[in-house]
Amino acid sequence: MNEIINFAGFVIASIALTLTPGNDTIYIITRTISQGRGAGLASLAGITLGLLIHITAVSLGLAQIIAHSPTLFNLIQYGGAAYLVYLGIQMWRSPPLDFQSSLQPKIQPIKLIQQGLITNLLNPKILIFFLTLLPQFVQPHASSSAFFILGLTFLAISTTWSIILVVLAEQLGKWLRHKPSISQIMNRISGTIFMLLAAKLVWQSK
């Protein structure tokens, strides 16, 4: 901890940044409203795993390779945009949920975890975010453990807030999803949101 500068300041900054909606937040809320709390938590688990990988990469210095390679950075970013478009098309084509039917297929949590993980990993802006934020709160030439501690602190704050959002979003989604006509509209709105997130990634790369 001696290598960390102003830990309290970092916590305050992390809370402020967490409360600012980003791609991951929008993704989790959209999944929760359209597919339920289980889907939201599974998506959150995937995104959390992705953030942990990003934090590890930054702590070990691997993220700088991507940050200093425009070609690799853009390749990852365009890959993320393409994947979000794919998810958006899937949501558009999804039939309305019928909660009265016993044959209603169950959502596979592992699939949602994988999708959340891939969506997070294919957003190189997250690496740049950590590369910009973390060094401001550590001593020069600090060890990787200092970066990792700060990263885990941010992750804990972010995950806690995301769980709260899932619970709140579920209350709205629970009412909407029991109406087949609205459920169909929700699927298409969700698909559109994913495509808009993809467009945002492409726009940011220019």
C-alpha atoms as a PDB file:
ATOM      1  CA  MET A   1       0.000   0.000   0.000  1.00  0.00           C
ATOM      2  CA  ASN A   2       3.007   2.326   0.412  1.00  0.00           C
ATOM      3  CA  GLU A   3       3.229   2.479  -3.379  1.00  0.00           C
ATOM      4  CA  ILE A   4      -0.316   3.823  -3.640  1.00  0.00           C
ATOM      5  CA  ILE A   5      -0.909   7.577  -3.544  1.00  0.00           C
ATOM      6  CA  ASN A   6      -4.170   8.959  -2.095  1.00  0.00           C
ATOM      7  CA  PHE A   7      -6.195   5.742  -1.964  1.00  0.00           C
ATOM      8  CA  ALA A   8      -9.257   7.624  -0.676  1.00  0.00           C
ATOM      9  CA  GLY A   9      -9.065   9.921  -3.688  1.00  0.00           C
ATOM     10  CA  PHE A  10      -8.943   6.900  -5.971  1.00  0.00           C
ATOM     11  CA  VAL A  11     -12.066   5.455  -4.337  1.00  0.00           C
ATOM     12  CA  ILE A  12     -13.931   8.749  -4.810  1.00  0.00           C
ATOM     13  CA  ALA A  13     -12.813   8.961  -8.447  1.00  0.00           C
ATOM     14  CA  SER A  14     -13.851   5.341  -9.023  1.00  0.00           C
ATOM     15  CA  ILE A  15     -17.317   5.962  -7.591  1.00  0.00           C
ATOM     16  CA  ALA A  16     -17.779   9.047  -9.769  1.00  0.00           C
ATOM     17  CA  LEU A  17     -16.644   7.190 -12.887  1.00  0.00           C
ATOM     18  CA  THR A  18     -18.790   4.156 -12.064  1.00  0.00           C
ATOM     19  CA  LEU A  19     -21.908   6.320 -11.779  1.00  0.00           C
ATOM     20  CA  THR A  20     -21.282   7.598 -15.308  1.00  0.00           C
ATOM     21  CA  PRO A  21     -23.097   5.216 -17.714  1.00  0.00           C
ATOM     22  CA  GLY A  22     -20.815   3.442 -20.169  1.00  0.00           C
ATOM     23  CA  ASN A  23     -21.144   0.654 -22.722  1.00  0.00           C
ATOM     24  CA  ASP A  24     -20.986  -2.089 -20.094  1.00  0.00           C
ATOM     25  CA  THR A  25     -23.649  -0.435 -17.947  1.00  0.00           C
ATOM     26  CA  ILE A  26     -26.001  -0.012 -20.891  1.00  0.00           C
ATOM     27  CA  TYR A  27     -25.374  -3.605 -21.971  1.00  0.00           C
ATOM     28  CA  ILE A  28     -26.192  -5.003 -18.505  1.00  0.00           C
ATOM     29  CA  ILE A  29     -29.348  -2.905 -18.088  1.00  0.00           C
ATOM     30  CA  THR A  30     -30.564  -3.850 -21.565  1.00  0.00           C
ATOM     31  CA  ARG A  31     -30.040  -7.556 -20.919  1.00  0.00           C
ATOM     32  CA  THR A  32     -31.803  -7.336 -17.559  1.00  0.00           C
ATOM     33  CA  ILE A  33     -34.868  -5.505 -18.824  1.00  0.00           C
ATOM     34  CA  SER A  34     -35.304  -7.729 -21.865  1.00  0.00           C
ATOM     35  CA  GLN A  35     -34.342 -11.125 -20.409  1.00  0.00           C
ATOM     36  CA  GLY A  36     -34.520 -10.928 -16.623  1.00  0.00           C
ATOM     37  CA  ARG A  37     -32.325 -10.631 -13.554  1.00  0.00           C
ATOM     38  CA  GLY A  38     -30.561 -13.936 -14.204  1.00  0.00           C
ATOM     39  CA  ALA A  39     -29.516 -12.737 -17.655  1.00  0.00           C
ATOM     40  CA  GLY A  40     -28.364  -9.429 -16.202  1.00  0.00           C
ATOM     41  CA  LEU A  41     -26.261 -11.089 -13.510  1.00  0.00           C
ATOM     42  CA  ALA A  42     -24.791 -13.572 -15.994  1.00  0.00           C
ATOM     43  CA  SER A  43     -23.873 -10.707 -18.325  1.00  0.00           C
ATOM     44  CA  LEU A  44     -22.358  -8.870 -15.365  1.00  0.00           C
ATOM     45  CA  ALA A  45     -20.299 -11.956 -14.480  1.00  0.00           C
ATOM     46  CA  GLY A  46     -18.867 -12.033 -18.006  1.00  0.00           C
ATOM     47  CA  ILE A  47     -18.090  -8.322 -17.989  1.00  0.00           C
ATOM     48  CA  THR A  48     -16.498  -8.604 -14.532  1.00  0.00           C
ATOM     49  CA  LEU A  49     -14.269 -11.406 -15.797  1.00  0.00           C
ATOM     50  CA  GLY A  50     -13.329  -9.246 -18.776  1.00  0.00           C
ATOM     51  CA  LEU A  51     -12.465  -6.321 -16.499  1.00  0.00           C
ATOM     52  CA  LEU A  52     -10.313  -8.621 -14.379  1.00  0.00           C
ATOM     53  CA  ILE A  53      -8.397  -9.664 -17.497  1.00  0.00           C
ATOM     54  CA  HIS A  54      -7.957  -5.996 -18.491  1.00  0.00           C
ATOM     55  CA  ILE A  55      -6.710  -5.144 -14.992  1.00  0.00           C
ATOM     56  CA  THR A  56      -4.246  -8.031 -15.072  1.00  0.00           C
ATOM     57  CA  ALA A  57      -2.975  -6.940 -18.495  1.00  0.00           C
ATOM     58  CA  VAL A  58      -2.445  -3.371 -17.278  1.00  0.00           C
ATOM     59  CA  SER A  59      -0.754  -4.539 -14.059  1.00  0.00           C
ATOM     60  CA  LEU A  60       1.695  -6.692 -16.012  1.00  0.00           C
ATOM     61  CA  GLY A  61       2.361  -4.003 -18.609  1.00  0.00           C
ATOM     62  CA  LEU A  62       0.828  -6.015 -21.458  1.00  0.00           C
ATOM     63  CA  ALA A  63      -1.809  -3.376 -22.197  1.00  0.00           C
ATOM     64  CA  GLN A  64       0.843  -0.916 -23.386  1.00  0.00           C
ATOM     65  CA  ILE A  65       1.508  -3.151 -26.383  1.00  0.00           C
ATOM     66  CA  ILE A  66      -2.066  -2.658 -27.570  1.00  0.00           C
ATOM     67  CA  ALA A  67      -2.156   1.018 -26.615  1.00  0.00           C
ATOM     68  CA  HIS A  68       0.940   1.751 -28.734  1.00  0.00           C
ATOM     69  CA  SER A  69      -0.193  -0.292 -31.735  1.00  0.00           C
ATOM     70  CA  PRO A  70      -2.897   1.597 -33.688  1.00  0.00           C
ATOM     71  CA  THR A  71      -3.423  -1.364 -36.012  1.00  0.00           C
ATOM     72  CA  LEU A  72      -3.979  -3.853 -33.199  1.00  0.00           C
ATOM     73  CA  PHE A  73      -6.096  -1.350 -31.263  1.00  0.00           C
ATOM     74  CA  ASN A  74      -8.393  -0.710 -34.239  1.00  0.00           C
ATOM     75  CA  LEU A  75      -8.573  -4.407 -35.070  1.00  0.00           C
ATOM     76  CA  ILE A  76      -9.857  -5.210 -31.590  1.00  0.00           C
ATOM     77  CA  GLN A  77     -12.239  -2.261 -31.628  1.00  0.00           C
ATOM     78  CA  TYR A  78     -13.750  -3.176 -35.005  1.00  0.00           C
ATOM     79  CA  GLY A  79     -14.035  -6.771 -33.844  1.00  0.00           C
ATOM     80  CA  GLY A  80     -16.005  -5.568 -30.826  1.00  0.00           C
ATOM     81  CA  ALA A  81     -18.292  -3.495 -33.030  1.00  0.00           C
ATOM     82  CA  ALA A  82     -18.940  -6.457 -35.319  1.00  0.00           C
ATOM     83  CA  TYR A  83     -19.772  -8.656 -32.334  1.00  0.00           C
ATOM     84  CA  LEU A  84     -22.247  -6.103 -30.972  1.00  0.00           C
ATOM     85  CA  VAL A  85     -23.936  -5.960 -34.382  1.00  0.00           C
ATOM     86  CA  TYR A  86     -24.188  -9.762 -34.304  1.00  0.00           C
ATOM     87  CA  LEU A  87     -25.812  -9.643 -30.847  1.00  0.00           C
ATOM     88  CA  GLY A  88     -28.136  -6.880 -32.026  1.00  0.00           C
ATOM     89  CA  ILE A  89     -29.326  -8.962 -34.966  1.00  0.00           C
ATOM     90  CA  GLN A  90     -29.922 -11.895 -32.626  1.00  0.00           C
ATOM     91  CA  MET A  91     -32.075  -9.736 -30.367  1.00  0.00           C
ATOM     92  CA  TRP A  92     -34.040  -8.387 -33.334  1.00  0.00           C
ATOM     93  CA  ARG A  93     -34.812 -11.926 -34.485  1.00  0.00           C
ATOM     94  CA  SER A  94     -35.758 -13.199 -31.019  1.00  0.00           C
ATOM     95  CA  PRO A  95     -39.460 -14.099 -30.646  1.00  0.00           C
ATOM     96  CA  PRO A  96     -41.472 -12.466 -27.854  1.00  0.00           C
ATOM     97  CA  LEU A  97     -41.220 -14.298 -24.543  1.00  0.00           C
ATOM     98  CA  ASP A  98     -44.288 -16.297 -23.542  1.00  0.00           C
ATOM     99  CA  PHE A  99     -44.259 -16.744 -19.784  1.00  0.00           C
ATOM    100  CA  GLN A 100     -47.468 -18.772 -19.882  1.00  0.00           C
ATOM    101  CA  SER A 101     -45.826 -21.548 -21.896  1.00  0.00           C
ATOM    102  CA  SER A 102     -44.100 -24.414 -20.097  1.00  0.00           C
ATOM    103  CA  LEU A 103     -42.067 -24.958 -23.254  1.00  0.00           C
ATOM    104  CA  GLN A 104     -40.391 -21.551 -22.973  1.00  0.00           C
ATOM    105  CA  PRO A 105     -36.654 -22.236 -23.524  1.00  0.00           C
ATOM    106  CA  LYS A 106     -34.385 -21.324 -20.643  1.00  0.00           C
ATOM    107  CA  ILE A 107     -31.603 -18.836 -21.148  1.00  0.00           C
ATOM    108  CA  GLN A 108     -28.209 -20.498 -20.823  1.00  0.00           C
ATOM    109  CA  PRO A 109     -26.197 -18.480 -18.271  1.00  0.00           C
ATOM    110  CA  ILE A 110     -22.868 -19.708 -19.657  1.00  0.00           C
ATOM    111  CA  LYS A 111     -23.754 -18.263 -23.064  1.00  0.00           C
ATOM    112  CA  LEU A 112     -24.588 -14.882 -21.548  1.00  0.00           C
ATOM    113  CA  ILE A 113     -21.363 -14.953 -19.524  1.00  0.00           C
ATOM    114  CA  GLN A 114     -19.401 -15.641 -22.711  1.00  0.00           C
ATOM    115  CA  GLN A 115     -21.161 -12.819 -24.547  1.00  0.00           C
ATOM    116  CA  GLY A 116     -20.504 -10.362 -21.718  1.00  0.00           C
ATOM    117  CA  LEU A 117     -16.860 -11.432 -21.585  1.00  0.00           C
ATOM    118  CA  ILE A 118     -16.315 -11.087 -25.336  1.00  0.00           C
ATOM    119  CA  THR A 119     -18.120  -7.737 -25.459  1.00  0.00           C
ATOM    120  CA  ASN A 120     -15.864  -6.391 -22.719  1.00  0.00           C
ATOM    121  CA  LEU A 121     -12.599  -7.813 -24.059  1.00  0.00           C
ATOM    122  CA  LEU A 122     -13.261  -6.441 -27.545  1.00  0.00           C
ATOM    123  CA  ASN A 123     -13.432  -2.877 -26.231  1.00  0.00           C
ATOM    124  CA  PRO A 124      -9.817  -1.624 -26.090  1.00  0.00           C
ATOM    125  CA  LYS A 125     -11.030   1.696 -24.679  1.00  0.00           C
ATOM    126  CA  ILE A 126     -11.192  -0.082 -21.317  1.00  0.00           C
ATOM    127  CA  LEU A 127      -7.451  -0.759 -21.449  1.00  0.00           C
ATOM    128  CA  ILE A 128      -6.781   2.894 -22.229  1.00  0.00           C
ATOM    129  CA  PHE A 129      -9.070   3.885 -19.363  1.00  0.00           C
ATOM    130  CA  PHE A 130      -7.073   1.845 -16.850  1.00  0.00           C
ATOM    131  CA  LEU A 131      -3.754   2.942 -18.353  1.00  0.00           C
ATOM    132  CA  THR A 132      -4.843   6.561 -17.862  1.00  0.00           C
ATOM    133  CA  LEU A 133      -6.440   6.264 -14.419  1.00  0.00           C
ATOM    134  CA  LEU A 134      -4.275   3.887 -12.392  1.00  0.00           C
ATOM    135  CA  PRO A 135      -0.822   5.529 -12.841  1.00  0.00           C
ATOM    136  CA  GLN A 136      -2.161   8.749 -11.290  1.00  0.00           C
ATOM    137  CA  PHE A 137      -2.500   6.996  -7.925  1.00  0.00           C
ATOM    138  CA  VAL A 138       0.764   5.054  -7.637  1.00  0.00           C
ATOM    139  CA  GLN A 139       4.388   5.961  -6.975  1.00  0.00           C
ATOM    140  CA  PRO A 140       6.779   6.099  -9.951  1.00  0.00           C
ATOM    141  CA  HIS A 141       8.120   2.634 -10.746  1.00  0.00           C
ATOM    142  CA  ALA A 142       5.456   1.012  -8.547  1.00  0.00           C
ATOM    143  CA  SER A 143       5.173  -2.768  -8.663  1.00  0.00           C
ATOM    144  CA  SER A 144       2.392  -4.591 -10.481  1.00  0.00           C
ATOM    145  CA  SER A 145       0.706  -5.389  -7.155  1.00  0.00           C
ATOM    146  CA  ALA A 146      -0.087  -1.698  -6.589  1.00  0.00           C
ATOM    147  CA  PHE A 147      -1.838  -1.495  -9.960  1.00  0.00           C
ATOM    148  CA  PHE A 148      -3.658  -4.747  -9.237  1.00  0.00           C
ATOM    149  CA  ILE A 149      -4.928  -3.531  -5.847  1.00  0.00           C
ATOM    150  CA  LEU A 150      -6.305  -0.355  -7.398  1.00  0.00           C
ATOM    151  CA  GLY A 151      -7.832  -2.329 -10.245  1.00  0.00           C
ATOM    152  CA  LEU A 152      -9.574  -4.729  -7.869  1.00  0.00           C
ATOM    153  CA  THR A 153     -10.858  -1.780  -5.836  1.00  0.00           C
ATOM    154  CA  PHE A 154     -12.388  -0.257  -8.951  1.00  0.00           C
ATOM    155  CA  LEU A 155     -13.803  -3.650  -9.910  1.00  0.00           C
ATOM    156  CA  ALA A 156     -15.472  -4.077  -6.501  1.00  0.00           C
ATOM    157  CA  ILE A 157     -17.086  -0.634  -6.722  1.00  0.00           C
ATOM    158  CA  SER A 158     -18.196  -1.159 -10.315  1.00  0.00           C
ATOM    159  CA  THR A 159     -19.627  -4.616  -9.635  1.00  0.00           C
ATOM    160  CA  THR A 160     -21.557  -3.440  -6.569  1.00  0.00           C
ATOM    161  CA  TRP A 161     -23.159  -0.617  -8.539  1.00  0.00           C
ATOM    162  CA  SER A 162     -23.970  -2.938 -11.444  1.00  0.00           C
ATOM    163  CA  ILE A 163     -25.744  -5.384  -9.117  1.00  0.00           C
ATOM    164  CA  ILE A 164     -27.887  -2.516  -7.822  1.00  0.00           C
ATOM    165  CA  LEU A 165     -28.730  -1.552 -11.411  1.00  0.00           C
ATOM    166  CA  VAL A 166     -29.686  -5.147 -12.235  1.00  0.00           C
ATOM    167  CA  VAL A 167     -32.103  -5.268  -9.287  1.00  0.00           C
ATOM    168  CA  LEU A 168     -33.677  -1.938 -10.269  1.00  0.00           C
ATOM    169  CA  ALA A 169     -33.878  -2.772 -13.975  1.00  0.00           C
ATOM    170  CA  GLU A 170     -35.511  -6.115 -13.171  1.00  0.00           C
ATOM    171  CA  GLN A 171     -38.479  -4.332 -11.580  1.00  0.00           C
ATOM    172  CA  LEU A 172     -39.224  -2.569 -14.861  1.00  0.00           C
ATOM    173  CA  GLY A 173     -38.431  -5.594 -16.986  1.00  0.00           C
ATOM    174  CA  LYS A 174     -40.636  -7.907 -14.907  1.00  0.00           C
ATOM    175  CA  TRP A 175     -43.701  -5.850 -15.811  1.00  0.00           C
ATOM    176  CA  LEU A 176     -42.798  -5.361 -19.450  1.00  0.00           C
ATOM    177  CA  ARG A 177     -41.770  -8.932 -20.250  1.00  0.00           C
ATOM    178  CA  HIS A 178     -45.178 -10.359 -19.308  1.00  0.00           C
ATOM    179  CA  LYS A 179     -46.767  -8.502 -22.205  1.00  0.00           C
ATOM    180  CA  PRO A 180     -45.952 -10.399 -25.455  1.00  0.00           C
ATOM    181  CA  SER A 181     -46.458  -7.374 -27.718  1.00  0.00           C
ATOM    182  CA  ILE A 182     -44.211  -5.204 -25.560  1.00  0.00           C
ATOM    183  CA  SER A 183     -41.721  -8.069 -25.244  1.00  0.00           C
ATOM    184  CA  GLN A 184     -41.270  -8.082 -29.023  1.00  0.00           C
ATOM    185  CA  ILE A 185     -40.705  -4.331 -29.023  1.00  0.00           C
ATOM    186  CA  MET A 186     -38.198  -4.688 -26.189  1.00  0.00           C
ATOM    187  CA  ASN A 187     -36.204  -7.249 -28.161  1.00  0.00           C
ATOM    188  CA  ARG A 188     -35.957  -4.846 -31.072  1.00  0.00           C
ATOM    189  CA  ILE A 189     -35.087  -1.892 -28.872  1.00  0.00           C
ATOM    190  CA  SER A 190     -32.376  -4.011 -27.230  1.00  0.00           C
ATOM    191  CA  GLY A 191     -31.048  -5.041 -30.628  1.00  0.00           C
ATOM    192  CA  THR A 192     -30.997  -1.423 -31.757  1.00  0.00           C
ATOM    193  CA  ILE A 193     -29.115  -0.374 -28.609  1.00  0.00           C
ATOM    194  CA  PHE A 194     -26.449  -3.026 -29.252  1.00  0.00           C
ATOM    195  CA  MET A 195     -26.049  -1.749 -32.819  1.00  0.00           C
ATOM    196  CA  LEU A 196     -25.775   1.840 -31.578  1.00  0.00           C
ATOM    197  CA  LEU A 197     -23.047   0.755 -29.162  1.00  0.00           C
ATOM    198  CA  ALA A 198     -21.276  -0.825 -32.144  1.00  0.00           C
ATOM    199  CA  ALA A 199     -21.576   2.427 -34.086  1.00  0.00           C
ATOM    200  CA  LYS A 200     -20.163   4.294 -31.091  1.00  0.00           C
ATOM    201  CA  LEU A 201     -17.100   2.021 -31.039  1.00  0.00           C
ATOM    202  CA  VAL A 202     -16.484   2.592 -34.754  1.00  0.00           C
ATOM    203  CA  TRP A 203     -16.970   6.349 -34.390  1.00  0.00           C
ATOM    204  CA  GLN A 204     -14.516   6.524 -31.482  1.00  0.00           C
ATOM    205  CA  SER A 205     -11.852   4.801 -33.574  1.00  0.00           C
ATOM    206  CA  LYS A 206     -11.807   7.652 -36.102  1.00  0.00           C
END
